[in-house]
């Protein structure tokens, strides 16, 4: 039998999401359970240890970024010997799907989630809403959110104009308002950018004794860029061990001033072809260091790219 948690060299690159799910479904293993959840979603559940990590991931994002096309949840499960559930979408749609709702209903009815000693829902940036909302299915779980999103319903978050396409989706029915849905969680660890008023507003909507907030002035740097896989894994290690997450989070604040880290962040933004992200990183670096040539040049290129894209539209 092949154990997915230790299949570090399992190459799933250069596949469509459907082919990727098919490849996993064909593995000879009693511990891997693949579900096709409509045309745009899928789920891979792997049983390995008493701790269960649940992640929500966009297939195209990790398939392009990771050489073997492995999702973040697998890296975490592999590192700690945990079980994992990866909920996938082909095209990002905030996981607002009746097929996903029905899947979690089945997990609850079958007692699948109850068999684990500890359950952790992890969300980063745009997936933080799903992680918080679906945590309802696992009473007394832990929820870890990097960049919380409470809801995108117009009557709740009309001030969040970052995701106009999401306005067409229903955030008022099942698994909609995340702050209410985390009320039964044991602890919610919420990391947010206090220099971002929209993100801060989302964070303040979460109330209760189980909410643990950690604020840092990230100057608008996207969580997806700032939270590398090693950092997320290190964060979870501290949280699961019961260590003071405030102490650990000071390392994240410190990284914002590390030239080596800022160069790495810049390179990643350039490779992702995100001029707006390059601009934010460069402007932040120039605010704390005097005339760094690499960042000056990158900022000029980013401004040109943004100007050209505006003219094209």
C-alpha atoms as a PDB file:
ATOM      1  CA  UNK A   1       0.000   0.000   0.000  1.00  0.00           C
ATOM      2  CA  UNK A   2       1.202   3.511  -0.749  1.00  0.00           C
ATOM      3  CA  UNK A   3       0.957   6.056   2.070  1.00  0.00           C
ATOM      4  CA  UNK A   4       0.348   9.507   0.660  1.00  0.00           C
ATOM      5  CA  UNK A   5       1.778  11.259   3.714  1.00  0.00           C
ATOM      6  CA  UNK A   6       5.239   9.961   2.879  1.00  0.00           C
ATOM      7  CA  UNK A   7       5.003  10.089  -0.903  1.00  0.00           C
ATOM      8  CA  UNK A   8       7.409  13.020  -1.133  1.00  0.00           C
ATOM      9  CA  UNK A   9       8.409  12.114  -4.682  1.00  0.00           C
ATOM     10  CA  UNK A  10       4.954  11.408  -6.051  1.00  0.00           C
ATOM     11  CA  UNK A  11       5.006  13.510  -9.215  1.00  0.00           C
ATOM     12  CA  UNK A  12       1.584  14.906 -10.071  1.00  0.00           C
ATOM     13  CA  UNK A  13       2.773  17.790 -12.224  1.00  0.00           C
ATOM     14  CA  UNK A  14       1.473  18.802 -15.656  1.00  0.00           C
ATOM     15  CA  UNK A  15      -2.023  17.453 -15.056  1.00  0.00           C
ATOM     16  CA  UNK A  16      -5.460  18.993 -15.128  1.00  0.00           C
ATOM     17  CA  UNK A  17      -7.276  18.902 -11.798  1.00  0.00           C
ATOM     18  CA  UNK A  18      -9.461  16.057 -13.046  1.00  0.00           C
ATOM     19  CA  UNK A  19      -6.380  14.074 -14.106  1.00  0.00           C
ATOM     20  CA  UNK A  20      -4.732  14.887 -10.769  1.00  0.00           C
ATOM     21  CA  UNK A  21      -7.692  13.464  -8.863  1.00  0.00           C
ATOM     22  CA  UNK A  22      -7.775  10.427 -11.167  1.00  0.00           C
ATOM     23  CA  UNK A  23      -4.082   9.746 -10.486  1.00  0.00           C
ATOM     24  CA  UNK A  24      -4.691   9.760  -6.738  1.00  0.00           C
ATOM     25  CA  UNK A  25      -7.788   7.645  -7.075  1.00  0.00           C
ATOM     26  CA  UNK A  26      -5.720   5.016  -8.901  1.00  0.00           C
ATOM     27  CA  UNK A  27      -3.179   4.692  -6.068  1.00  0.00           C
ATOM     28  CA  UNK A  28      -3.153   1.361  -4.260  1.00  0.00           C
ATOM     29  CA  UNK A  29      -3.921   2.584  -0.749  1.00  0.00           C
ATOM     30  CA  UNK A  30      -6.539   1.922   1.908  1.00  0.00           C
ATOM     31  CA  UNK A  31      -5.881   5.296   3.542  1.00  0.00           C
ATOM     32  CA  UNK A  32      -6.584   7.698   0.671  1.00  0.00           C
ATOM     33  CA  UNK A  33     -10.134   8.727  -0.180  1.00  0.00           C
ATOM     34  CA  UNK A  34     -10.784  10.821  -3.280  1.00  0.00           C
ATOM     35  CA  UNK A  35     -14.113  12.534  -3.955  1.00  0.00           C
ATOM     36  CA  UNK A  36     -15.206  14.412  -7.068  1.00  0.00           C
ATOM     37  CA  UNK A  37     -17.418  17.274  -5.902  1.00  0.00           C
ATOM     38  CA  UNK A  38     -19.020  18.545  -9.065  1.00  0.00           C
ATOM     39  CA  UNK A  39     -17.042  19.916 -12.005  1.00  0.00           C
ATOM     40  CA  UNK A  40     -15.032  22.514 -10.094  1.00  0.00           C
ATOM     41  CA  UNK A  41     -14.205  20.829  -6.794  1.00  0.00           C
ATOM     42  CA  UNK A  42     -12.626  17.758  -5.294  1.00  0.00           C
ATOM     43  CA  UNK A  43     -11.549  16.383  -1.935  1.00  0.00           C
ATOM     44  CA  UNK A  44      -8.632  14.201  -0.879  1.00  0.00           C
ATOM     45  CA  UNK A  45      -8.756  12.722   2.612  1.00  0.00           C
ATOM     46  CA  UNK A  46      -5.721  10.844   3.882  1.00  0.00           C
ATOM     47  CA  UNK A  47      -5.739   9.009   7.214  1.00  0.00           C
ATOM     48  CA  UNK A  48      -2.394   8.808   8.941  1.00  0.00           C
ATOM     49  CA  UNK A  49      -2.371  10.213  12.481  1.00  0.00           C
ATOM     50  CA  UNK A  50      -4.644  11.430  15.296  1.00  0.00           C
ATOM     51  CA  UNK A  51      -4.433  15.109  14.273  1.00  0.00           C
ATOM     52  CA  UNK A  52      -6.520  16.153  11.262  1.00  0.00           C
ATOM     53  CA  UNK A  53      -5.540  19.236   9.229  1.00  0.00           C
ATOM     54  CA  UNK A  54      -8.131  20.679   6.821  1.00  0.00           C
ATOM     55  CA  UNK A  55      -7.058  23.079   4.058  1.00  0.00           C
ATOM     56  CA  UNK A  56      -8.820  24.783   1.158  1.00  0.00           C
ATOM     57  CA  UNK A  57      -6.654  25.217  -1.923  1.00  0.00           C
ATOM     58  CA  UNK A  58      -6.853  26.354  -5.533  1.00  0.00           C
ATOM     59  CA  UNK A  59      -5.448  23.663  -7.794  1.00  0.00           C
ATOM     60  CA  UNK A  60      -4.009  25.973 -10.448  1.00  0.00           C
ATOM     61  CA  UNK A  61      -2.104  27.937  -7.795  1.00  0.00           C
ATOM     62  CA  UNK A  62      -0.169  25.093  -6.180  1.00  0.00           C
ATOM     63  CA  UNK A  63       0.139  23.128  -9.441  1.00  0.00           C
ATOM     64  CA  UNK A  64       2.072  26.010 -10.992  1.00  0.00           C
ATOM     65  CA  UNK A  65       4.047  26.881  -7.872  1.00  0.00           C
ATOM     66  CA  UNK A  66       5.091  23.440  -6.594  1.00  0.00           C
ATOM     67  CA  UNK A  67       7.286  21.223  -8.785  1.00  0.00           C
ATOM     68  CA  UNK A  68       5.443  18.012  -7.845  1.00  0.00           C
ATOM     69  CA  UNK A  69       2.022  19.713  -7.658  1.00  0.00           C
ATOM     70  CA  UNK A  70       1.482  18.902  -3.982  1.00  0.00           C
ATOM     71  CA  UNK A  71      -0.947  21.018  -1.921  1.00  0.00           C
ATOM     72  CA  UNK A  72       0.085  22.721   1.306  1.00  0.00           C
ATOM     73  CA  UNK A  73      -1.958  20.318   3.420  1.00  0.00           C
ATOM     74  CA  UNK A  74       0.226  17.403   2.354  1.00  0.00           C
ATOM     75  CA  UNK A  75       3.422  19.175   3.379  1.00  0.00           C
ATOM     76  CA  UNK A  76       1.940  19.847   6.803  1.00  0.00           C
ATOM     77  CA  UNK A  77       0.691  16.265   7.215  1.00  0.00           C
ATOM     78  CA  UNK A  78       4.042  14.889   6.085  1.00  0.00           C
ATOM     79  CA  UNK A  79       5.971  17.115   8.493  1.00  0.00           C
ATOM     80  CA  UNK A  80       3.971  16.132  11.579  1.00  0.00           C
ATOM     81  CA  UNK A  81       2.595  12.685  10.728  1.00  0.00           C
ATOM     82  CA  UNK A  82      -0.973  13.991  10.632  1.00  0.00           C
ATOM     83  CA  UNK A  83      -4.050  13.073   8.675  1.00  0.00           C
ATOM     84  CA  UNK A  84      -5.248  15.625   6.149  1.00  0.00           C
ATOM     85  CA  UNK A  85      -8.228  16.773   4.136  1.00  0.00           C
ATOM     86  CA  UNK A  86      -7.617  18.962   1.103  1.00  0.00           C
ATOM     87  CA  UNK A  87     -10.652  20.629  -0.456  1.00  0.00           C
ATOM     88  CA  UNK A  88      -9.776  21.726  -3.992  1.00  0.00           C
ATOM     89  CA  UNK A  89     -11.250  24.082  -6.517  1.00  0.00           C
ATOM     90  CA  UNK A  90     -10.189  24.322 -10.140  1.00  0.00           C
ATOM     91  CA  UNK A  91     -11.297  27.939 -10.545  1.00  0.00           C
ATOM     92  CA  UNK A  92     -11.474  29.880  -7.291  1.00  0.00           C
ATOM     93  CA  UNK A  93     -15.083  30.444  -6.234  1.00  0.00           C
ATOM     94  CA  UNK A  94     -14.773  30.811  -2.446  1.00  0.00           C
ATOM     95  CA  UNK A  95     -15.854  27.156  -2.121  1.00  0.00           C
ATOM     96  CA  UNK A  96     -19.508  28.207  -2.242  1.00  0.00           C
ATOM     97  CA  UNK A  97     -20.860  24.927  -3.578  1.00  0.00           C
ATOM     98  CA  UNK A  98     -23.717  22.645  -2.582  1.00  0.00           C
ATOM     99  CA  UNK A  99     -21.441  19.696  -3.417  1.00  0.00           C
ATOM    100  CA  UNK A 100     -18.973  20.782  -0.726  1.00  0.00           C
ATOM    101  CA  UNK A 101     -21.775  21.347   1.790  1.00  0.00           C
ATOM    102  CA  UNK A 102     -23.078  17.839   1.119  1.00  0.00           C
ATOM    103  CA  UNK A 103     -19.587  16.368   1.437  1.00  0.00           C
ATOM    104  CA  UNK A 104     -19.082  17.860   4.896  1.00  0.00           C
ATOM    105  CA  UNK A 105     -22.565  16.693   5.884  1.00  0.00           C
ATOM    106  CA  UNK A 106     -21.530  13.138   4.990  1.00  0.00           C
ATOM    107  CA  UNK A 107     -18.320  13.418   7.006  1.00  0.00           C
ATOM    108  CA  UNK A 108     -20.358  14.451  10.035  1.00  0.00           C
ATOM    109  CA  UNK A 109     -23.021  11.777   9.549  1.00  0.00           C
ATOM    110  CA  UNK A 110     -20.385   9.061   9.089  1.00  0.00           C
ATOM    111  CA  UNK A 111     -18.488  10.156  12.204  1.00  0.00           C
ATOM    112  CA  UNK A 112     -15.318  10.588  10.145  1.00  0.00           C
ATOM    113  CA  UNK A 113     -14.251  13.811  11.836  1.00  0.00           C
ATOM    114  CA  UNK A 114     -15.053  12.566  15.343  1.00  0.00           C
ATOM    115  CA  UNK A 115     -12.448   9.803  15.098  1.00  0.00           C
ATOM    116  CA  UNK A 116      -9.570  12.298  15.296  1.00  0.00           C
ATOM    117  CA  UNK A 117      -8.159  13.558  18.584  1.00  0.00           C
ATOM    118  CA  UNK A 118      -7.611  17.067  17.272  1.00  0.00           C
ATOM    119  CA  UNK A 119      -8.898  18.919  14.206  1.00  0.00           C
ATOM    120  CA  UNK A 120      -7.341  22.069  12.738  1.00  0.00           C
ATOM    121  CA  UNK A 121      -8.828  24.208   9.980  1.00  0.00           C
ATOM    122  CA  UNK A 122      -6.260  26.364   8.177  1.00  0.00           C
ATOM    123  CA  UNK A 123      -7.021  29.324   5.909  1.00  0.00           C
ATOM    124  CA  UNK A 124      -4.655  31.781   4.240  1.00  0.00           C
ATOM    125  CA  UNK A 125      -5.893  34.982   2.615  1.00  0.00           C
ATOM    126  CA  UNK A 126      -8.923  34.269   0.442  1.00  0.00           C
ATOM    127  CA  UNK A 127      -9.336  30.732   1.813  1.00  0.00           C
ATOM    128  CA  UNK A 128      -9.621  31.996   5.398  1.00  0.00           C
ATOM    129  CA  UNK A 129     -13.379  32.433   5.006  1.00  0.00           C
ATOM    130  CA  UNK A 130     -13.874  28.783   4.036  1.00  0.00           C
ATOM    131  CA  UNK A 131     -11.631  27.522   6.835  1.00  0.00           C
ATOM    132  CA  UNK A 132     -13.567  29.498   9.427  1.00  0.00           C
ATOM    133  CA  UNK A 133     -17.012  28.756   8.008  1.00  0.00           C
ATOM    134  CA  UNK A 134     -16.632  25.006   7.554  1.00  0.00           C
ATOM    135  CA  UNK A 135     -15.010  24.600  10.974  1.00  0.00           C
ATOM    136  CA  UNK A 136     -18.577  24.395  12.274  1.00  0.00           C
ATOM    137  CA  UNK A 137     -18.581  20.687  11.373  1.00  0.00           C
ATOM    138  CA  UNK A 138     -15.883  19.942  13.972  1.00  0.00           C
ATOM    139  CA  UNK A 139     -16.905  21.135  17.425  1.00  0.00           C
ATOM    140  CA  UNK A 140     -13.944  22.118  19.624  1.00  0.00           C
ATOM    141  CA  UNK A 141     -11.555  22.253  16.686  1.00  0.00           C
ATOM    142  CA  UNK A 142      -8.800  24.856  16.310  1.00  0.00           C
ATOM    143  CA  UNK A 143      -8.968  27.425  13.510  1.00  0.00           C
ATOM    144  CA  UNK A 144      -5.869  29.182  12.159  1.00  0.00           C
ATOM    145  CA  UNK A 145      -6.469  32.171   9.867  1.00  0.00           C
ATOM    146  CA  UNK A 146      -3.870  34.299   8.112  1.00  0.00           C
ATOM    147  CA  UNK A 147      -5.821  37.327   6.867  1.00  0.00           C
ATOM    148  CA  UNK A 148      -9.386  36.688   8.136  1.00  0.00           C
ATOM    149  CA  UNK A 149     -12.471  37.201   5.977  1.00  0.00           C
ATOM    150  CA  UNK A 150     -15.739  37.165   7.896  1.00  0.00           C
ATOM    151  CA  UNK A 151     -18.140  37.392   4.960  1.00  0.00           C
ATOM    152  CA  UNK A 152     -18.512  39.101   1.609  1.00  0.00           C
ATOM    153  CA  UNK A 153     -22.271  39.565   1.849  1.00  0.00           C
ATOM    154  CA  UNK A 154     -23.129  43.134   0.864  1.00  0.00           C
ATOM    155  CA  UNK A 155     -25.182  43.771   4.002  1.00  0.00           C
ATOM    156  CA  UNK A 156     -22.215  42.788   6.185  1.00  0.00           C
ATOM    157  CA  UNK A 157     -19.071  43.777   4.295  1.00  0.00           C
ATOM    158  CA  UNK A 158     -20.034  46.381   1.703  1.00  0.00           C
ATOM    159  CA  UNK A 159     -16.791  48.168   2.623  1.00  0.00           C
ATOM    160  CA  UNK A 160     -14.695  45.298   1.219  1.00  0.00           C
ATOM    161  CA  UNK A 161     -14.405  46.062  -2.492  1.00  0.00           C
ATOM    162  CA  UNK A 162     -11.384  43.836  -3.168  1.00  0.00           C
ATOM    163  CA  UNK A 163     -13.324  40.955  -4.719  1.00  0.00           C
ATOM    164  CA  UNK A 164     -16.096  42.298  -6.993  1.00  0.00           C
ATOM    165  CA  UNK A 165     -16.764  38.876  -8.566  1.00  0.00           C
ATOM    166  CA  UNK A 166     -17.626  37.478  -5.129  1.00  0.00           C
ATOM    167  CA  UNK A 167     -20.648  39.786  -4.939  1.00  0.00           C
ATOM    168  CA  UNK A 168     -22.475  37.379  -7.236  1.00  0.00           C
ATOM    169  CA  UNK A 169     -22.085  34.554  -4.723  1.00  0.00           C
ATOM    170  CA  UNK A 170     -24.355  33.690  -1.809  1.00  0.00           C
ATOM    171  CA  UNK A 171     -22.786  34.345   1.595  1.00  0.00           C
ATOM    172  CA  UNK A 172     -26.110  34.480   3.445  1.00  0.00           C
ATOM    173  CA  UNK A 173     -27.103  30.801   3.472  1.00  0.00           C
ATOM    174  CA  UNK A 174     -25.199  27.786   4.810  1.00  0.00           C
ATOM    175  CA  UNK A 175     -21.603  28.291   5.908  1.00  0.00           C
ATOM    176  CA  UNK A 176     -21.922  32.004   5.205  1.00  0.00           C
ATOM    177  CA  UNK A 177     -21.137  34.251   8.187  1.00  0.00           C
ATOM    178  CA  UNK A 178     -17.829  32.955   9.534  1.00  0.00           C
ATOM    179  CA  UNK A 179     -17.767  34.771  12.931  1.00  0.00           C
ATOM    180  CA  UNK A 180     -20.918  32.947  14.013  1.00  0.00           C
ATOM    181  CA  UNK A 181     -19.675  29.622  12.685  1.00  0.00           C
ATOM    182  CA  UNK A 182     -16.453  29.625  14.748  1.00  0.00           C
ATOM    183  CA  UNK A 183     -18.307  30.085  18.030  1.00  0.00           C
ATOM    184  CA  UNK A 184     -18.023  26.359  18.822  1.00  0.00           C
ATOM    185  CA  UNK A 185     -14.307  26.199  17.986  1.00  0.00           C
ATOM    186  CA  UNK A 186     -11.943  25.643  20.866  1.00  0.00           C
ATOM    187  CA  UNK A 187      -9.548  28.380  19.762  1.00  0.00           C
ATOM    188  CA  UNK A 188      -9.307  30.676  16.762  1.00  0.00           C
ATOM    189  CA  UNK A 189      -5.835  32.027  15.972  1.00  0.00           C
ATOM    190  CA  UNK A 190      -6.234  35.081  13.774  1.00  0.00           C
ATOM    191  CA  UNK A 191      -3.248  36.821  12.162  1.00  0.00           C
ATOM    192  CA  UNK A 192      -4.056  40.089  10.399  1.00  0.00           C
ATOM    193  CA  UNK A 193      -2.456  43.185   8.909  1.00  0.00           C
ATOM    194  CA  UNK A 194      -3.343  46.102  11.164  1.00  0.00           C
ATOM    195  CA  UNK A 195      -2.171  48.563   8.507  1.00  0.00           C
ATOM    196  CA  UNK A 196      -4.943  47.239   6.247  1.00  0.00           C
ATOM    197  CA  UNK A 197      -8.264  48.788   7.386  1.00  0.00           C
ATOM    198  CA  UNK A 198     -10.381  46.277   5.459  1.00  0.00           C
ATOM    199  CA  UNK A 199      -8.601  43.294   6.980  1.00  0.00           C
ATOM    200  CA  UNK A 200      -8.828  44.892  10.418  1.00  0.00           C
ATOM    201  CA  UNK A 201     -12.579  45.337   9.967  1.00  0.00           C
ATOM    202  CA  UNK A 202     -12.958  41.648   9.162  1.00  0.00           C
ATOM    203  CA  UNK A 203     -10.930  40.745  12.250  1.00  0.00           C
ATOM    204  CA  UNK A 204     -13.104  42.877  14.543  1.00  0.00           C
ATOM    205  CA  UNK A 205     -16.235  41.021  13.408  1.00  0.00           C
ATOM    206  CA  UNK A 206     -14.932  37.891  15.135  1.00  0.00           C
ATOM    207  CA  UNK A 207     -15.861  38.092  18.818  1.00  0.00           C
ATOM    208  CA  UNK A 208     -15.722  35.698  21.725  1.00  0.00           C
ATOM    209  CA  UNK A 209     -13.383  34.290  24.335  1.00  0.00           C
ATOM    210  CA  UNK A 210     -12.008  31.750  21.877  1.00  0.00           C
ATOM    211  CA  UNK A 211     -10.677  34.449  19.503  1.00  0.00           C
ATOM    212  CA  UNK A 212      -6.926  35.088  19.691  1.00  0.00           C
ATOM    213  CA  UNK A 213      -5.843  38.058  17.541  1.00  0.00           C
ATOM    214  CA  UNK A 214      -2.307  38.786  16.396  1.00  0.00           C
ATOM    215  CA  UNK A 215      -1.819  42.093  14.588  1.00  0.00           C
ATOM    216  CA  UNK A 216       1.179  43.191  12.550  1.00  0.00           C
ATOM    217  CA  UNK A 217       1.798  46.160  10.233  1.00  0.00           C
ATOM    218  CA  UNK A 218       2.497  44.275   7.012  1.00  0.00           C
ATOM    219  CA  UNK A 219       2.028  47.334   4.771  1.00  0.00           C
ATOM    220  CA  UNK A 220      -0.380  45.527   2.478  1.00  0.00           C
ATOM    221  CA  UNK A 221       1.930  42.641   1.568  1.00  0.00           C
ATOM    222  CA  UNK A 222      -0.317  39.746   0.570  1.00  0.00           C
ATOM    223  CA  UNK A 223      -0.509  36.856   3.026  1.00  0.00           C
ATOM    224  CA  UNK A 224      -0.031  34.394   0.200  1.00  0.00           C
ATOM    225  CA  UNK A 225       3.392  35.904  -0.472  1.00  0.00           C
ATOM    226  CA  UNK A 226       4.386  36.476   3.139  1.00  0.00           C
ATOM    227  CA  UNK A 227       3.458  33.081   4.548  1.00  0.00           C
ATOM    228  CA  UNK A 228       5.773  30.559   2.932  1.00  0.00           C
ATOM    229  CA  UNK A 229       5.168  26.869   3.544  1.00  0.00           C
ATOM    230  CA  UNK A 230       7.986  26.616   6.110  1.00  0.00           C
ATOM    231  CA  UNK A 231       6.537  29.594   8.001  1.00  0.00           C
ATOM    232  CA  UNK A 232       3.036  28.100   8.096  1.00  0.00           C
ATOM    233  CA  UNK A 233       4.426  24.768   9.282  1.00  0.00           C
ATOM    234  CA  UNK A 234       6.475  26.501  11.991  1.00  0.00           C
ATOM    235  CA  UNK A 235       3.399  28.468  13.094  1.00  0.00           C
ATOM    236  CA  UNK A 236       1.338  25.297  13.411  1.00  0.00           C
ATOM    237  CA  UNK A 237       4.111  23.618  15.388  1.00  0.00           C
ATOM    238  CA  UNK A 238       3.970  26.399  17.987  1.00  0.00           C
ATOM    239  CA  UNK A 239       0.179  26.425  18.123  1.00  0.00           C
ATOM    240  CA  UNK A 240      -0.204  22.661  18.484  1.00  0.00           C
ATOM    241  CA  UNK A 241       2.502  22.560  21.154  1.00  0.00           C
ATOM    242  CA  UNK A 242       0.623  25.203  23.127  1.00  0.00           C
ATOM    243  CA  UNK A 243       3.501  27.666  22.854  1.00  0.00           C
ATOM    244  CA  UNK A 244       2.923  31.413  23.062  1.00  0.00           C
ATOM    245  CA  UNK A 245       1.850  32.339  19.543  1.00  0.00           C
ATOM    246  CA  UNK A 246       2.550  35.997  20.351  1.00  0.00           C
ATOM    247  CA  UNK A 247       6.235  35.159  20.733  1.00  0.00           C
ATOM    248  CA  UNK A 248       6.286  33.258  17.463  1.00  0.00           C
ATOM    249  CA  UNK A 249       4.495  36.023  15.601  1.00  0.00           C
ATOM    250  CA  UNK A 250       7.250  38.502  16.476  1.00  0.00           C
ATOM    251  CA  UNK A 251       9.396  36.603  13.963  1.00  0.00           C
ATOM    252  CA  UNK A 252       6.914  37.524  11.241  1.00  0.00           C
ATOM    253  CA  UNK A 253       7.187  41.185  12.178  1.00  0.00           C
ATOM    254  CA  UNK A 254      10.961  40.956  12.100  1.00  0.00           C
ATOM    255  CA  UNK A 255      11.013  39.396   8.648  1.00  0.00           C
ATOM    256  CA  UNK A 256       9.578  42.594   7.196  1.00  0.00           C
ATOM    257  CA  UNK A 257      12.947  44.300   7.812  1.00  0.00           C
ATOM    258  CA  UNK A 258      15.179  41.467   6.620  1.00  0.00           C
ATOM    259  CA  UNK A 259      16.806  42.435   3.304  1.00  0.00           C
ATOM    260  CA  UNK A 260      17.366  38.775   2.428  1.00  0.00           C
ATOM    261  CA  UNK A 261      13.704  38.007   3.012  1.00  0.00           C
ATOM    262  CA  UNK A 262      12.538  41.111   1.137  1.00  0.00           C
ATOM    263  CA  UNK A 263      14.683  40.139  -1.857  1.00  0.00           C
ATOM    264  CA  UNK A 264      13.150  36.661  -1.792  1.00  0.00           C
ATOM    265  CA  UNK A 265       9.685  38.177  -1.549  1.00  0.00           C
ATOM    266  CA  UNK A 266      10.425  40.490  -4.484  1.00  0.00           C
ATOM    267  CA  UNK A 267      11.672  37.610  -6.622  1.00  0.00           C
ATOM    268  CA  UNK A 268       8.559  35.599  -5.879  1.00  0.00           C
ATOM    269  CA  UNK A 269       6.283  38.505  -6.810  1.00  0.00           C
ATOM    270  CA  UNK A 270       8.209  38.991 -10.058  1.00  0.00           C
ATOM    271  CA  UNK A 271       7.977  35.294 -10.907  1.00  0.00           C
ATOM    272  CA  UNK A 272       4.220  35.423 -10.273  1.00  0.00           C
ATOM    273  CA  UNK A 273       4.008  38.438 -12.623  1.00  0.00           C
ATOM    274  CA  UNK A 274       2.225  40.560 -10.015  1.00  0.00           C
ATOM    275  CA  UNK A 275       3.371  44.181 -10.596  1.00  0.00           C
ATOM    276  CA  UNK A 276       1.009  45.504  -7.934  1.00  0.00           C
ATOM    277  CA  UNK A 277       2.627  43.193  -5.388  1.00  0.00           C
ATOM    278  CA  UNK A 278       6.112  44.195  -6.582  1.00  0.00           C
ATOM    279  CA  UNK A 279       5.108  47.833  -6.087  1.00  0.00           C
ATOM    280  CA  UNK A 280       3.954  47.237  -2.498  1.00  0.00           C
ATOM    281  CA  UNK A 281       7.110  45.305  -1.589  1.00  0.00           C
ATOM    282  CA  UNK A 282       9.416  47.900  -3.162  1.00  0.00           C
ATOM    283  CA  UNK A 283       7.666  50.864  -1.562  1.00  0.00           C
ATOM    284  CA  UNK A 284       7.832  49.137   1.813  1.00  0.00           C
ATOM    285  CA  UNK A 285      11.559  48.409   1.366  1.00  0.00           C
ATOM    286  CA  UNK A 286      12.294  51.987   0.263  1.00  0.00           C
ATOM    287  CA  UNK A 287      10.539  53.266   3.380  1.00  0.00           C
ATOM    288  CA  UNK A 288      13.082  51.556   5.634  1.00  0.00           C
ATOM    289  CA  UNK A 289      16.258  51.408   3.494  1.00  0.00           C
ATOM    290  CA  UNK A 290      17.916  54.198   1.522  1.00  0.00           C
ATOM    291  CA  UNK A 291      18.079  53.730  -2.244  1.00  0.00           C
ATOM    292  CA  UNK A 292      18.445  49.921  -2.613  1.00  0.00           C
ATOM    293  CA  UNK A 293      19.202  49.613  -6.372  1.00  0.00           C
ATOM    294  CA  UNK A 294      17.385  46.328  -6.967  1.00  0.00           C
ATOM    295  CA  UNK A 295      14.149  47.624  -5.480  1.00  0.00           C
ATOM    296  CA  UNK A 296      14.359  51.004  -7.224  1.00  0.00           C
ATOM    297  CA  UNK A 297      14.708  49.262 -10.582  1.00  0.00           C
ATOM    298  CA  UNK A 298      11.924  46.791  -9.780  1.00  0.00           C
ATOM    299  CA  UNK A 299       9.596  49.596  -8.671  1.00  0.00           C
ATOM    300  CA  UNK A 300      10.174  51.473 -11.923  1.00  0.00           C
ATOM    301  CA  UNK A 301       9.385  48.338 -13.941  1.00  0.00           C
ATOM    302  CA  UNK A 302       6.265  47.659 -11.869  1.00  0.00           C
ATOM    303  CA  UNK A 303       4.989  51.217 -12.305  1.00  0.00           C
ATOM    304  CA  UNK A 304       5.523  50.951 -16.064  1.00  0.00           C
ATOM    305  CA  UNK A 305       3.669  47.632 -16.188  1.00  0.00           C
ATOM    306  CA  UNK A 306       0.765  49.012 -14.169  1.00  0.00           C
ATOM    307  CA  UNK A 307       0.626  52.123 -16.341  1.00  0.00           C
ATOM    308  CA  UNK A 308       0.571  50.056 -19.529  1.00  0.00           C
ATOM    309  CA  UNK A 309      -2.165  47.769 -18.209  1.00  0.00           C
ATOM    310  CA  UNK A 310      -4.288  50.807 -17.338  1.00  0.00           C
ATOM    311  CA  UNK A 311      -3.846  52.223 -20.826  1.00  0.00           C
ATOM    312  CA  UNK A 312      -4.801  48.887 -22.385  1.00  0.00           C
ATOM    313  CA  UNK A 313      -8.109  48.889 -20.546  1.00  0.00           C
END
